[in-house]
């Protein structure tokens, strides 16, 4: 079986790496059975998260989530 996936963003070309980070974090969230709007992921990867935090804080929260 062969599966081809294509990720495409309408943002700048450097947004692709953020998209891959978000997908990886969502897989972790699914594995640990988390639900809802996960603030660390939303703050890190999206323009309008449920809770606005600084870029530095979003990065710190995202790294803690992955750890």
Protein backbone atom coordinates (compact mmCIF):
# COMPACT_ATOMS: atom_id res chain seq x y z
CA UNK A 1 0.00 0.00 0.00
CA UNK A 2 1.28 3.44 -0.85
CA UNK A 3 -0.19 6.69 0.48
CA UNK A 4 0.83 10.09 -0.81
CA UNK A 5 0.09 13.13 1.32
CA UNK A 6 0.43 16.73 0.31
CA UNK A 7 0.51 19.54 2.85
CA UNK A 8 -0.17 22.97 1.48
CA UNK A 9 -0.45 26.31 3.26
CA UNK A 10 -1.61 29.71 2.06
CA UNK A 11 0.91 31.39 4.35
CA UNK A 12 4.57 31.93 3.68
CA UNK A 13 6.67 28.90 2.65
CA UNK A 14 8.24 28.69 6.12
CA UNK A 15 4.80 27.88 7.60
CA UNK A 16 5.18 24.27 6.46
CA UNK A 17 7.44 23.36 9.37
CA UNK A 18 4.88 24.74 11.83
CA UNK A 19 2.19 22.65 10.13
CA UNK A 20 4.27 19.49 10.62
CA UNK A 21 4.82 20.38 14.29
CA UNK A 22 1.06 20.81 14.77
CA UNK A 23 0.32 17.45 13.12
CA UNK A 24 2.90 15.74 15.33
CA UNK A 25 1.42 17.36 18.47
CA UNK A 26 -2.13 16.39 17.45
CA UNK A 27 -1.02 12.77 17.04
CA UNK A 28 0.37 12.91 20.57
CA UNK A 29 -2.91 14.41 21.83
CA UNK A 30 -4.92 11.66 20.14
CA UNK A 31 -2.65 8.99 21.61
CA UNK A 32 -3.14 10.40 25.11
CA UNK A 33 -6.90 10.80 24.49
CA UNK A 34 -6.99 14.59 24.93
CA UNK A 35 -9.92 16.51 23.50
CA UNK A 36 -11.04 20.03 22.79
CA UNK A 37 -9.03 23.09 21.90
CA UNK A 38 -5.56 22.32 23.22
CA UNK A 39 -4.20 25.74 24.11
CA UNK A 40 -0.47 24.97 23.69
CA UNK A 41 -1.04 23.68 20.16
CA UNK A 42 -3.46 26.47 19.23
CA UNK A 43 -1.18 29.20 20.58
CA UNK A 44 1.84 27.76 18.77
CA UNK A 45 0.32 26.97 15.40
CA UNK A 46 -2.63 29.22 14.70
CA UNK A 47 -3.21 32.94 14.19
CA UNK A 48 -6.32 33.21 16.38
CA UNK A 49 -6.00 30.80 19.32
CA UNK A 50 -8.65 30.67 22.08
CA UNK A 51 -6.18 32.30 24.48
CA UNK A 52 -3.71 34.87 23.16
CA UNK A 53 -0.17 34.56 24.56
CA UNK A 54 3.21 35.93 23.47
CA UNK A 55 5.23 34.01 20.90
CA UNK A 56 7.83 33.09 23.50
CA UNK A 57 5.17 31.77 25.89
CA UNK A 58 3.47 29.83 23.08
CA UNK A 59 6.79 28.20 22.18
CA UNK A 60 7.48 27.31 25.82
CA UNK A 61 4.00 25.82 26.33
CA UNK A 62 4.27 23.83 23.10
CA UNK A 63 7.63 22.34 24.10
CA UNK A 64 6.22 21.39 27.53
CA UNK A 65 3.24 19.74 25.82
CA UNK A 66 5.52 17.64 23.65
CA UNK A 67 7.71 16.62 26.59
